[in-house]
Amino acid sequence: MKSVAVLLAPGFEEGEAIVTIDILRRLNITVQTIACGESRDVVSYHAISMVADSTLKANLERTFDAVVLPGGPEGGVNMRKSAEAIAFIRRHDEAGKYICPICSAAARVLSGNGLLKGRRYVCSGDLWKTVSDGMYVDADVVEDGNLLSGRGLGNVFDFAFTLAARLQGDETLAREQASHINYPLSGQLV
């Protein structure tokens, strides 16, 4: 069974995290929420307290099929400052596992640590103007090798369904689940 780590740094965008977790779990993909601090308790951008499944420290040696990086103005900055989070992301990237930033995370976390490596990506707003190590694409979801990025909260369903389809190697179950929840997927998943 495929497994995904969703990293939660203080100030993370809760909608991006929760919708992604929900979609992946609906499609029987194992999701582990991982706090990027000492405690499993993490407060989101809109002051919602969450208890992660585990801490990053407890998972440093574990390998997942994908690592999801929710955005959020504060969450991205806090994740970028975490040496453990960056080492965890870098190790997964070097192993060819999916690295999945959404919203500000591509610009604030990956670019801020040289992890875009010239790959195509999307992020929210004008943050792309501060990025020099990747190629911005004006799209809702962008895939370049093992980097799968999403524009932001308004596109989180497309982001999550695309990730699920890639992990499962087939769009069929993702499309069935999208239909089940009345989400109008159009065209091919990225």
N, C-alpha and C. Protein backbone atom coordinates (compact mmCIF):
# COMPACT_ATOMS: atom_id res chain seq x y z
N MET A 1 0.84 -1.18 0.00
CA MET A 1 0.00 0.00 0.00
C MET A 1 0.88 1.25 0.00
N LYS A 2 0.53 2.24 -0.80
CA LYS A 2 1.30 3.47 -0.89
C LYS A 2 1.14 4.30 0.38
N SER A 3 2.19 5.06 0.72
CA SER A 3 2.15 5.86 1.94
C SER A 3 2.60 7.30 1.65
N VAL A 4 1.95 8.22 2.35
CA VAL A 4 2.21 9.64 2.16
C VAL A 4 2.43 10.30 3.51
N ALA A 5 3.46 11.13 3.59
CA ALA A 5 3.70 11.97 4.77
C ALA A 5 3.18 13.36 4.46
N VAL A 6 2.36 13.91 5.34
CA VAL A 6 1.91 15.29 5.22
C VAL A 6 2.57 16.06 6.35
N LEU A 7 3.52 16.94 5.97
CA LEU A 7 4.27 17.70 6.97
C LEU A 7 3.47 18.91 7.43
N LEU A 8 3.34 19.05 8.74
CA LEU A 8 2.58 20.16 9.32
C LEU A 8 3.51 21.03 10.16
N ALA A 9 3.83 22.21 9.64
CA ALA A 9 4.62 23.18 10.39
C ALA A 9 3.65 24.19 10.99
N PRO A 10 3.99 24.80 12.12
CA PRO A 10 3.10 25.80 12.71
C PRO A 10 2.71 26.86 11.67
N GLY A 11 1.40 27.12 11.58
CA GLY A 11 0.90 28.09 10.61
C GLY A 11 0.56 27.49 9.26
N PHE A 12 0.51 26.15 9.15
CA PHE A 12 0.19 25.50 7.87
C PHE A 12 -1.24 25.85 7.45
N GLU A 13 -1.50 25.81 6.15
CA GLU A 13 -2.85 26.06 5.61
C GLU A 13 -3.67 24.79 5.80
N GLU A 14 -4.59 24.85 6.75
CA GLU A 14 -5.34 23.66 7.15
C GLU A 14 -6.21 23.08 6.04
N GLY A 15 -6.81 23.91 5.22
CA GLY A 15 -7.65 23.39 4.14
C GLY A 15 -6.87 22.55 3.16
N GLU A 16 -5.66 23.00 2.82
CA GLU A 16 -4.81 22.24 1.89
C GLU A 16 -4.41 20.91 2.49
N ALA A 17 -4.13 20.90 3.77
CA ALA A 17 -3.74 19.65 4.44
C ALA A 17 -4.93 18.70 4.57
N ILE A 18 -6.04 19.19 5.12
CA ILE A 18 -7.18 18.32 5.42
C ILE A 18 -7.81 17.73 4.16
N VAL A 19 -8.00 18.55 3.12
CA VAL A 19 -8.61 18.01 1.90
C VAL A 19 -7.70 16.95 1.28
N THR A 20 -6.41 17.21 1.25
CA THR A 20 -5.48 16.23 0.68
C THR A 20 -5.51 14.93 1.48
N ILE A 21 -5.47 15.05 2.80
CA ILE A 21 -5.54 13.86 3.66
C ILE A 21 -6.83 13.09 3.39
N ASP A 22 -7.95 13.80 3.35
CA ASP A 22 -9.25 13.18 3.13
C ASP A 22 -9.30 12.42 1.81
N ILE A 23 -8.90 13.07 0.73
CA ILE A 23 -8.96 12.43 -0.59
C ILE A 23 -8.06 11.19 -0.63
N LEU A 24 -6.85 11.31 -0.13
CA LEU A 24 -5.92 10.17 -0.17
C LEU A 24 -6.44 9.01 0.66
N ARG A 25 -6.97 9.30 1.84
CA ARG A 25 -7.49 8.22 2.68
C ARG A 25 -8.73 7.59 2.08
N ARG A 26 -9.58 8.37 1.42
CA ARG A 26 -10.75 7.81 0.73
C ARG A 26 -10.32 6.79 -0.32
N LEU A 27 -9.13 7.01 -0.88
CA LEU A 27 -8.64 6.13 -1.93
C LEU A 27 -7.66 5.08 -1.38
N ASN A 28 -7.77 4.83 -0.08
CA ASN A 28 -7.00 3.77 0.61
C ASN A 28 -5.49 3.95 0.51
N ILE A 29 -5.05 5.19 0.52
CA ILE A 29 -3.63 5.48 0.58
C ILE A 29 -3.31 5.84 2.03
N THR A 30 -2.31 5.21 2.58
CA THR A 30 -1.93 5.46 3.97
C THR A 30 -1.34 6.86 4.10
N VAL A 31 -1.89 7.65 5.02
CA VAL A 31 -1.41 9.01 5.25
C VAL A 31 -0.96 9.14 6.69
N GLN A 32 0.23 9.67 6.86
CA GLN A 32 0.78 9.95 8.19
C GLN A 32 0.95 11.46 8.29
N THR A 33 0.24 12.10 9.25
CA THR A 33 0.46 13.53 9.47
C THR A 33 1.64 13.66 10.43
N ILE A 34 2.57 14.52 10.06
CA ILE A 34 3.82 14.62 10.80
C ILE A 34 4.08 16.07 11.19
N ALA A 35 4.15 16.32 12.49
CA ALA A 35 4.43 17.66 13.02
C ALA A 35 5.91 17.97 12.87
N CYS A 36 6.19 19.17 12.41
CA CYS A 36 7.59 19.59 12.21
C CYS A 36 8.17 20.25 13.45
N GLY A 37 7.68 19.90 14.62
CA GLY A 37 8.19 20.44 15.87
C GLY A 37 8.38 19.34 16.88
N GLU A 38 8.62 19.72 18.10
CA GLU A 38 8.86 18.76 19.18
C GLU A 38 7.58 18.04 19.61
N SER A 39 6.45 18.72 19.47
CA SER A 39 5.16 18.19 19.92
C SER A 39 4.31 17.77 18.73
N ARG A 40 3.39 16.86 18.96
CA ARG A 40 2.42 16.47 17.92
C ARG A 40 1.36 17.54 17.74
N ASP A 41 1.25 18.46 18.68
CA ASP A 41 0.28 19.54 18.61
C ASP A 41 0.79 20.63 17.66
N VAL A 42 -0.05 20.99 16.69
CA VAL A 42 0.32 22.01 15.71
C VAL A 42 -0.89 22.93 15.52
N VAL A 43 -0.63 24.24 15.50
CA VAL A 43 -1.70 25.21 15.28
C VAL A 43 -1.58 25.72 13.85
N SER A 44 -2.71 25.69 13.13
CA SER A 44 -2.74 26.07 11.72
C SER A 44 -2.75 27.59 11.54
N TYR A 45 -2.73 28.01 10.29
CA TYR A 45 -2.73 29.41 9.92
C TYR A 45 -3.95 30.15 10.48
N HIS A 46 -5.09 29.49 10.51
CA HIS A 46 -6.30 30.10 11.02
C HIS A 46 -6.60 29.66 12.45
N ALA A 47 -5.56 29.38 13.19
CA ALA A 47 -5.62 29.08 14.63
C ALA A 47 -6.47 27.87 14.97
N ILE A 48 -6.42 26.84 14.13
CA ILE A 48 -7.09 25.58 14.43
C ILE A 48 -6.03 24.62 14.97
N SER A 49 -6.26 24.12 16.16
CA SER A 49 -5.31 23.19 16.78
C SER A 49 -5.53 21.79 16.23
N MET A 50 -4.43 21.16 15.83
CA MET A 50 -4.48 19.78 15.33
C MET A 50 -3.45 18.96 16.06
N VAL A 51 -3.72 17.69 16.17
CA VAL A 51 -2.76 16.75 16.74
C VAL A 51 -2.32 15.83 15.60
N ALA A 52 -1.06 15.94 15.24
CA ALA A 52 -0.51 15.11 14.16
C ALA A 52 -0.36 13.66 14.65
N ASP A 53 -0.26 12.75 13.69
CA ASP A 53 -0.06 11.34 14.04
C ASP A 53 1.27 11.11 14.73
N SER A 54 2.27 11.90 14.36
CA SER A 54 3.61 11.69 14.87
C SER A 54 4.43 12.96 14.68
N THR A 55 5.68 12.90 15.10
CA THR A 55 6.60 14.03 14.90
C THR A 55 7.62 13.68 13.83
N LEU A 56 8.22 14.70 13.29
CA LEU A 56 9.24 14.49 12.28
C LEU A 56 10.43 13.72 12.87
N LYS A 57 10.80 14.07 14.07
CA LYS A 57 11.92 13.40 14.74
C LYS A 57 11.72 11.88 14.79
N ALA A 58 10.48 11.45 15.00
CA ALA A 58 10.18 10.01 15.09
C ALA A 58 10.14 9.34 13.72
N ASN A 59 10.19 10.13 12.65
CA ASN A 59 10.07 9.57 11.30
C ASN A 59 11.25 9.89 10.39
N LEU A 60 12.33 10.39 10.95
CA LEU A 60 13.46 10.83 10.13
C LEU A 60 14.02 9.74 9.23
N GLU A 61 13.98 8.51 9.66
CA GLU A 61 14.54 7.41 8.88
C GLU A 61 13.50 6.69 8.02
N ARG A 62 12.26 7.01 8.19
CA ARG A 62 11.18 6.36 7.44
C ARG A 62 11.09 6.95 6.03
N THR A 63 10.75 6.11 5.07
CA THR A 63 10.60 6.57 3.69
C THR A 63 9.15 6.36 3.25
N PHE A 64 8.59 7.41 2.66
CA PHE A 64 7.22 7.42 2.16
C PHE A 64 7.26 7.49 0.64
N ASP A 65 6.15 7.18 0.00
CA ASP A 65 6.05 7.28 -1.46
C ASP A 65 5.89 8.73 -1.90
N ALA A 66 5.38 9.57 -1.01
CA ALA A 66 5.20 10.99 -1.32
C ALA A 66 5.27 11.81 -0.04
N VAL A 67 5.71 13.05 -0.18
CA VAL A 67 5.74 14.00 0.93
C VAL A 67 4.94 15.22 0.48
N VAL A 68 3.86 15.52 1.21
CA VAL A 68 3.01 16.67 0.90
C VAL A 68 3.39 17.83 1.81
N LEU A 69 3.53 19.01 1.20
CA LEU A 69 3.91 20.22 1.93
C LEU A 69 2.80 21.25 1.80
N PRO A 70 1.86 21.29 2.76
CA PRO A 70 0.83 22.32 2.69
C PRO A 70 1.48 23.70 2.81
N GLY A 71 0.84 24.71 2.21
CA GLY A 71 1.37 26.06 2.27
C GLY A 71 0.91 26.79 3.52
N GLY A 72 0.66 28.06 3.33
CA GLY A 72 0.32 28.96 4.44
C GLY A 72 1.47 29.91 4.63
N PRO A 73 1.20 31.21 4.75
CA PRO A 73 2.28 32.19 4.88
C PRO A 73 3.25 31.86 6.02
N GLU A 74 2.71 31.48 7.16
CA GLU A 74 3.56 31.15 8.30
C GLU A 74 4.10 29.73 8.20
N GLY A 75 3.25 28.80 7.72
CA GLY A 75 3.67 27.41 7.63
C GLY A 75 4.88 27.22 6.73
N GLY A 76 4.88 27.89 5.57
CA GLY A 76 6.01 27.78 4.66
C GLY A 76 7.29 28.33 5.25
N VAL A 77 7.18 29.48 5.91
CA VAL A 77 8.36 30.08 6.54
C VAL A 77 8.89 29.18 7.65
N ASN A 78 7.98 28.64 8.48
CA ASN A 78 8.41 27.77 9.58
C ASN A 78 9.01 26.47 9.07
N MET A 79 8.44 25.90 8.01
CA MET A 79 9.01 24.67 7.47
C MET A 79 10.38 24.93 6.85
N ARG A 80 10.52 26.05 6.15
CA ARG A 80 11.79 26.40 5.53
C ARG A 80 12.91 26.50 6.56
N LYS A 81 12.58 26.92 7.78
CA LYS A 81 13.58 27.09 8.85
C LYS A 81 13.95 25.77 9.55
N SER A 82 13.18 24.71 9.30
CA SER A 82 13.41 23.44 9.98
C SER A 82 14.44 22.60 9.21
N ALA A 83 15.63 22.50 9.79
CA ALA A 83 16.69 21.70 9.15
C ALA A 83 16.25 20.25 9.00
N GLU A 84 15.52 19.71 9.98
CA GLU A 84 15.04 18.33 9.90
C GLU A 84 14.05 18.16 8.75
N ALA A 85 13.14 19.11 8.59
CA ALA A 85 12.15 19.02 7.51
C ALA A 85 12.84 19.07 6.15
N ILE A 86 13.80 19.97 6.00
CA ILE A 86 14.51 20.10 4.72
C ILE A 86 15.31 18.84 4.42
N ALA A 87 15.97 18.28 5.43
CA ALA A 87 16.72 17.03 5.23
C ALA A 87 15.77 15.89 4.85
N PHE A 88 14.61 15.83 5.47
CA PHE A 88 13.60 14.81 5.18
C PHE A 88 13.12 14.93 3.73
N ILE A 89 12.78 16.14 3.33
CA ILE A 89 12.33 16.39 1.96
C ILE A 89 13.43 16.06 0.96
N ARG A 90 14.63 16.53 1.23
CA ARG A 90 15.77 16.29 0.32
C ARG A 90 16.03 14.80 0.15
N ARG A 91 15.97 14.04 1.24
CA ARG A 91 16.22 12.59 1.17
C ARG A 91 15.16 11.92 0.29
N HIS A 92 13.92 12.30 0.44
CA HIS A 92 12.85 11.73 -0.37
C HIS A 92 13.00 12.13 -1.84
N ASP A 93 13.36 13.38 -2.08
CA ASP A 93 13.56 13.85 -3.45
C ASP A 93 14.68 13.06 -4.12
N GLU A 94 15.78 12.89 -3.42
CA GLU A 94 16.93 12.15 -3.98
C GLU A 94 16.59 10.69 -4.22
N ALA A 95 15.62 10.16 -3.46
CA ALA A 95 15.18 8.77 -3.65
C ALA A 95 14.13 8.65 -4.75
N GLY A 96 13.77 9.79 -5.37
CA GLY A 96 12.79 9.78 -6.45
C GLY A 96 11.34 9.70 -6.00
N LYS A 97 11.11 9.93 -4.71
CA LYS A 97 9.73 9.91 -4.19
C LYS A 97 9.06 11.23 -4.56
N TYR A 98 7.73 11.22 -4.62
CA TYR A 98 7.00 12.45 -4.96
C TYR A 98 7.20 13.51 -3.88
N ILE A 99 7.51 14.71 -4.32
CA ILE A 99 7.59 15.88 -3.46
C ILE A 99 6.44 16.77 -3.92
N CYS A 100 5.53 17.12 -2.99
CA CYS A 100 4.25 17.72 -3.38
C CYS A 100 3.93 19.00 -2.61
N PRO A 101 4.50 20.11 -3.05
CA PRO A 101 4.18 21.39 -2.41
C PRO A 101 2.88 21.96 -2.97
N ILE A 102 2.15 22.64 -2.12
CA ILE A 102 0.95 23.34 -2.59
C ILE A 102 0.99 24.77 -2.05
N CYS A 103 0.44 25.67 -2.82
CA CYS A 103 0.34 27.08 -2.49
C CYS A 103 1.74 27.71 -2.39
N SER A 104 2.10 28.22 -1.24
CA SER A 104 3.37 28.91 -1.09
C SER A 104 4.56 27.98 -0.88
N ALA A 105 4.34 26.70 -0.64
CA ALA A 105 5.42 25.80 -0.25
C ALA A 105 6.50 25.63 -1.31
N ALA A 106 6.14 25.65 -2.59
CA ALA A 106 7.18 25.52 -3.63
C ALA A 106 8.15 26.68 -3.56
N ALA A 107 7.63 27.89 -3.42
CA ALA A 107 8.48 29.08 -3.38
C ALA A 107 9.18 29.25 -2.03
N ARG A 108 8.45 29.05 -0.95
CA ARG A 108 9.01 29.32 0.38
C ARG A 108 9.86 28.19 0.92
N VAL A 109 9.47 26.96 0.68
CA VAL A 109 10.20 25.81 1.28
C VAL A 109 11.22 25.26 0.29
N LEU A 110 10.78 24.88 -0.89
CA LEU A 110 11.69 24.23 -1.84
C LEU A 110 12.70 25.21 -2.42
N SER A 111 12.23 26.31 -2.99
CA SER A 111 13.16 27.27 -3.58
C SER A 111 14.08 27.86 -2.52
N GLY A 112 13.53 28.10 -1.35
CA GLY A 112 14.33 28.66 -0.27
C GLY A 112 15.47 27.76 0.17
N ASN A 113 15.47 26.52 -0.30
CA ASN A 113 16.51 25.55 0.07
C ASN A 113 17.12 24.85 -1.14
N GLY A 114 16.99 25.44 -2.32
CA GLY A 114 17.60 24.88 -3.53
C GLY A 114 17.02 23.54 -3.95
N LEU A 115 15.75 23.29 -3.65
CA LEU A 115 15.16 21.98 -3.94
C LEU A 115 14.28 21.96 -5.19
N LEU A 116 14.09 23.07 -5.85
CA LEU A 116 13.34 23.04 -7.11
C LEU A 116 14.20 22.50 -8.24
N LYS A 117 15.48 22.76 -8.20
CA LYS A 117 16.45 22.19 -9.15
C LYS A 117 16.08 22.38 -10.61
N GLY A 118 15.55 23.56 -10.95
CA GLY A 118 15.24 23.86 -12.34
C GLY A 118 13.95 23.25 -12.85
N ARG A 119 13.23 22.53 -11.99
CA ARG A 119 11.99 21.87 -12.42
C ARG A 119 10.84 22.87 -12.57
N ARG A 120 9.87 22.47 -13.36
CA ARG A 120 8.65 23.26 -13.54
C ARG A 120 7.78 23.10 -12.29
N TYR A 121 7.11 24.19 -11.89
CA TYR A 121 6.29 24.19 -10.69
C TYR A 121 5.22 25.28 -10.80
N VAL A 122 4.28 25.27 -9.88
CA VAL A 122 3.32 26.35 -9.71
C VAL A 122 3.25 26.67 -8.21
N CYS A 123 2.93 27.92 -7.90
CA CYS A 123 2.72 28.34 -6.52
C CYS A 123 1.68 29.45 -6.52
N SER A 124 1.34 29.94 -5.36
CA SER A 124 0.29 30.94 -5.25
C SER A 124 0.81 32.35 -5.50
N GLY A 125 -0.11 33.20 -5.92
CA GLY A 125 0.16 34.62 -6.05
C GLY A 125 1.39 34.96 -6.89
N ASP A 126 2.10 35.96 -6.42
CA ASP A 126 3.31 36.44 -7.11
C ASP A 126 4.59 35.88 -6.51
N LEU A 127 4.49 34.86 -5.67
CA LEU A 127 5.68 34.31 -5.04
C LEU A 127 6.69 33.80 -6.06
N TRP A 128 6.22 33.39 -7.24
CA TRP A 128 7.11 32.89 -8.29
C TRP A 128 8.17 33.93 -8.67
N LYS A 129 7.88 35.20 -8.45
CA LYS A 129 8.82 36.26 -8.81
C LYS A 129 10.08 36.24 -7.94
N THR A 130 10.01 35.56 -6.80
CA THR A 130 11.17 35.47 -5.90
C THR A 130 11.98 34.21 -6.13
N VAL A 131 11.53 33.35 -7.04
CA VAL A 131 12.16 32.05 -7.26
C VAL A 131 13.14 32.12 -8.43
N SER A 132 14.35 31.61 -8.20
CA SER A 132 15.35 31.62 -9.28
C SER A 132 15.82 30.22 -9.66
N ASP A 133 15.38 29.19 -8.93
CA ASP A 133 15.88 27.84 -9.22
C ASP A 133 14.83 26.91 -9.80
N GLY A 134 13.74 27.45 -10.33
CA GLY A 134 12.71 26.64 -10.96
C GLY A 134 12.05 27.42 -12.07
N MET A 135 11.19 26.72 -12.83
CA MET A 135 10.48 27.36 -13.95
C MET A 135 8.99 27.40 -13.62
N TYR A 136 8.47 28.59 -13.36
CA TYR A 136 7.06 28.78 -13.02
C TYR A 136 6.18 28.49 -14.23
N VAL A 137 5.09 27.75 -13.99
CA VAL A 137 4.09 27.46 -15.01
C VAL A 137 2.75 27.95 -14.48
N ASP A 138 2.03 28.72 -15.27
CA ASP A 138 0.74 29.25 -14.88
C ASP A 138 -0.33 28.18 -15.13
N ALA A 139 -0.48 27.28 -14.16
CA ALA A 139 -1.44 26.18 -14.25
C ALA A 139 -1.90 25.85 -12.84
N ASP A 140 -2.96 25.09 -12.72
CA ASP A 140 -3.47 24.74 -11.39
C ASP A 140 -2.64 23.66 -10.70
N VAL A 141 -2.20 22.67 -11.46
CA VAL A 141 -1.36 21.59 -10.96
C VAL A 141 -0.28 21.36 -12.00
N VAL A 142 0.97 21.23 -11.54
CA VAL A 142 2.09 21.03 -12.46
C VAL A 142 2.90 19.83 -11.99
N GLU A 143 3.24 18.97 -12.96
CA GLU A 143 4.05 17.80 -12.66
C GLU A 143 5.34 17.86 -13.47
N ASP A 144 6.47 17.67 -12.80
CA ASP A 144 7.76 17.61 -13.47
C ASP A 144 8.59 16.53 -12.77
N GLY A 145 8.64 15.37 -13.37
CA GLY A 145 9.33 14.24 -12.73
C GLY A 145 8.60 13.88 -11.44
N ASN A 146 9.33 13.88 -10.33
CA ASN A 146 8.73 13.53 -9.05
C ASN A 146 8.23 14.75 -8.27
N LEU A 147 8.22 15.93 -8.91
CA LEU A 147 7.69 17.13 -8.28
C LEU A 147 6.27 17.36 -8.78
N LEU A 148 5.31 17.37 -7.86
CA LEU A 148 3.91 17.62 -8.19
C LEU A 148 3.46 18.80 -7.34
N SER A 149 3.20 19.94 -7.98
CA SER A 149 2.86 21.14 -7.23
C SER A 149 1.45 21.63 -7.57
N GLY A 150 0.82 22.27 -6.59
CA GLY A 150 -0.52 22.82 -6.76
C GLY A 150 -0.53 24.30 -6.47
N ARG A 151 -1.39 25.03 -7.21
CA ARG A 151 -1.44 26.49 -7.08
C ARG A 151 -1.87 26.94 -5.69
N GLY A 152 -2.91 26.33 -5.13
CA GLY A 152 -3.37 26.79 -3.82
C GLY A 152 -4.65 26.11 -3.37
N LEU A 153 -5.23 26.65 -2.33
CA LEU A 153 -6.40 26.05 -1.71
C LEU A 153 -7.54 25.83 -2.70
N GLY A 154 -7.76 26.76 -3.61
CA GLY A 154 -8.83 26.61 -4.57
C GLY A 154 -8.64 25.47 -5.54
N ASN A 155 -7.44 24.92 -5.59
CA ASN A 155 -7.12 23.83 -6.51
C ASN A 155 -6.74 22.54 -5.79
N VAL A 156 -7.02 22.48 -4.50
CA VAL A 156 -6.54 21.37 -3.69
C VAL A 156 -7.16 20.03 -4.11
N PHE A 157 -8.41 20.03 -4.58
CA PHE A 157 -9.01 18.76 -5.00
C PHE A 157 -8.29 18.20 -6.23
N ASP A 158 -8.02 19.05 -7.22
CA ASP A 158 -7.28 18.59 -8.41
C ASP A 158 -5.89 18.09 -8.01
N PHE A 159 -5.24 18.81 -7.11
CA PHE A 159 -3.92 18.43 -6.59
C PHE A 159 -3.98 17.05 -5.94
N ALA A 160 -4.92 16.86 -5.02
CA ALA A 160 -5.02 15.61 -4.28
C ALA A 160 -5.41 14.43 -5.18
N PHE A 161 -6.36 14.65 -6.08
CA PHE A 161 -6.76 13.57 -6.98
C PHE A 161 -5.63 13.21 -7.95
N THR A 162 -4.87 14.20 -8.39
CA THR A 162 -3.74 13.90 -9.27
C THR A 162 -2.68 13.09 -8.52
N LEU A 163 -2.38 13.48 -7.30
CA LEU A 163 -1.41 12.72 -6.51
C LEU A 163 -1.90 11.29 -6.31
N ALA A 164 -3.16 11.13 -5.97
CA ALA A 164 -3.70 9.78 -5.77
C ALA A 164 -3.58 8.95 -7.04
N ALA A 165 -3.92 9.55 -8.18
CA ALA A 165 -3.84 8.82 -9.45
C ALA A 165 -2.40 8.41 -9.74
N ARG A 166 -1.44 9.27 -9.46
CA ARG A 166 -0.03 8.92 -9.71
C ARG A 166 0.42 7.79 -8.80
N LEU A 167 0.04 7.86 -7.53
CA LEU A 167 0.44 6.81 -6.60
C LEU A 167 -0.19 5.47 -6.94
N GLN A 168 -1.41 5.50 -7.44
CA GLN A 168 -2.10 4.26 -7.79
C GLN A 168 -1.78 3.79 -9.21
N GLY A 169 -1.15 4.66 -10.00
CA GLY A 169 -0.79 4.28 -11.36
C GLY A 169 -1.97 4.21 -12.31
N ASP A 170 -3.10 4.79 -11.91
CA ASP A 170 -4.32 4.72 -12.71
C ASP A 170 -5.27 5.82 -12.22
N GLU A 171 -5.97 6.46 -13.14
CA GLU A 171 -6.92 7.52 -12.80
C GLU A 171 -8.30 7.01 -12.42
N THR A 172 -8.58 5.75 -12.67
CA THR A 172 -9.94 5.22 -12.53
C THR A 172 -10.52 5.44 -11.14
N LEU A 173 -9.82 5.02 -10.11
CA LEU A 173 -10.36 5.15 -8.75
C LEU A 173 -10.49 6.61 -8.34
N ALA A 174 -9.54 7.45 -8.74
CA ALA A 174 -9.62 8.88 -8.43
C ALA A 174 -10.86 9.49 -9.08
N ARG A 175 -11.08 9.14 -10.34
CA ARG A 175 -12.26 9.67 -11.04
C ARG A 175 -13.57 9.17 -10.41
N GLU A 176 -13.60 7.91 -10.00
CA GLU A 176 -14.79 7.38 -9.34
C GLU A 176 -15.06 8.11 -8.02
N GLN A 177 -14.01 8.35 -7.25
CA GLN A 177 -14.17 9.05 -5.98
C GLN A 177 -14.58 10.51 -6.20
N ALA A 178 -14.03 11.15 -7.21
CA ALA A 178 -14.41 12.53 -7.53
C ALA A 178 -15.90 12.58 -7.86
N SER A 179 -16.37 11.63 -8.64
CA SER A 179 -17.78 11.56 -8.98
C SER A 179 -18.63 11.32 -7.73
N HIS A 180 -18.14 10.45 -6.85
CA HIS A 180 -18.85 10.12 -5.62
C HIS A 180 -19.07 11.35 -4.74
N ILE A 181 -18.09 12.24 -4.69
CA ILE A 181 -18.23 13.44 -3.85
C ILE A 181 -18.73 14.64 -4.66
N ASN A 182 -19.14 14.38 -5.90
CA ASN A 182 -19.68 15.43 -6.77
C ASN A 182 -18.66 16.50 -7.11
N TYR A 183 -17.41 16.10 -7.26
CA TYR A 183 -16.37 17.04 -7.69
C TYR A 183 -16.17 16.86 -9.20
N PRO A 184 -16.31 17.93 -9.96
CA PRO A 184 -16.25 17.83 -11.42
C PRO A 184 -14.83 17.82 -11.99
N LEU A 185 -14.18 16.68 -12.00
CA LEU A 185 -12.87 16.59 -12.63
C LEU A 185 -13.07 16.75 -14.14
N SER A 186 -12.27 17.61 -14.74
CA SER A 186 -12.39 17.78 -16.19
C SER A 186 -11.08 17.40 -16.85
N GLY A 187 -11.16 16.77 -17.98
CA GLY A 187 -9.96 16.38 -18.70
C GLY A 187 -9.13 15.36 -17.94
N GLN A 188 -7.91 15.21 -18.39
CA GLN A 188 -6.98 14.26 -17.80
C GLN A 188 -6.36 14.86 -16.56
N LEU A 189 -6.11 14.05 -15.55
CA LEU A 189 -5.41 14.53 -14.36
C LEU A 189 -3.98 14.81 -14.77
N VAL A 190 -3.60 16.05 -14.71
CA VAL A 190 -2.30 16.54 -15.16
C VAL A 190 -1.60 15.57 -15.96
